[in-house]
């Protein structure tokens, strides 16, 4: 999924913004410099603070549906996104937009972020923060077809800052296959998901406001941001009257069309708490040089960029209780023009390893004597479950220059009072590091130096 444009890339230097004169038109005038940094609420989807909150959903149902969504997502990414992207992760015609996020309803994505869109006044909305997606999009009025959401739809007709992108704009003309529909003369986008969910509408520019209301100094108004305004949207579960979906997605991929790429920022971080109690607060997504937390070299591993815009990592092996499994490196490595490799994805709940690596992990765990003394519990979705994990072994992901040991909470998912399932799933043709393995971990992305940091900590909560 890629978007067409030629937007001015910003660099932050010595607390000043340098406007780079290139083929990209600027999102900011000289007197409207983008912020140095900002932060925004990152809310667990099962928190009552979330518009996706369903008081009738049990933890077991949520976990199983998240696993099903992850397995569907992994297949799509492996076959489409992880292979290549039409324009190298930058801007391209809207028909090139594809997304690994599926489904985008109630069970997809562990976290959402809050922001406002438009002006006179701005409309509060939410989106899934997705490092596997390139576009910022949301449902908009008029809704020719929209799925259910628990907050009001954005009405661009009531915003003075909303501006449609014309077919003559470089955003559309840069690619000869730009998607323009006469007679309106405006640029359109289409996103079709593997589960047949889809969103379609206009590409436009609009003002977005991100920030935490309790910390005004960390708030930011972002002008003329390219977004997708979806007027025709289908959720694959819209026959389920109790299902609601997020208003949209905030793409955080390594591409020029994502939130990060449009701002030209090189650093962002998040520390996702598993907390679901709104009274205790929410986690934060921090964007920008002075706000993002990138921890020390001992916590870092290199980031690799390919044409897809995904964030690839180099995994060398897995360890269980300090013993290397000696998994062939080729199972983790990306091959030229191939769909293998390992990447980190905030839109996937559970991590996944390709069959050879996953089978080696499960086989070793099953040899642990304390686990052999109890019978594995069968589950329709998860591959390995036990009633007692008090003696379960420690699992370590061996990244390049970093051995990252997973906490027990990030290794096993409690499905029922006496049922714990391995929170890692069998993959397809790519390995994915999902959000279940990132809880209570500060994850910092440094795109300039091409490193990512992982630091265990009790993630702070903001009320």
Foldseek 3Di string as FASTA:
>chain_A
DAFFFQEWEWDADPNAIDTDDDSGHYLDDNVAAFHQKFKWFKAFLCFPVHQLHDPPDDLLNLLQLLLVQQQQLQVCCLVPQLLFADFLQEHDAQASAEFSRPPQWSNWFGIKTWKWWAPVHTDIFIAHEKQRHQAAEFEEPPAPDDAATRGDHHYCVNGPQKFFAFCPHSRQVVYPPHDDDPPVRTGKHKYAYPLRWIFIATWIFIWMWGHDPVCVVRITIRGGQIHHHTRYTDRSVSVPVSMGGGRYHQHDFQYCNGPCNVHNAQKKKWAAAPDNYPVQFGTMIMTRDVTHDFDDPLFKFFWDGTSSRFTFFQFQFKDWQRHTLCQPSVQADDDRSRSEHETEISRRAFWEGAPSRVVSVVVVQCPPPVNVVFDWDDDPRFDTKFQDCPPGIWMWTHTVSYIRIADPQLQWDDSDNRMIGGRYHHGHRYTYHYCSRRHQWMWMGRRVVRMIGTHHHNGHGDD
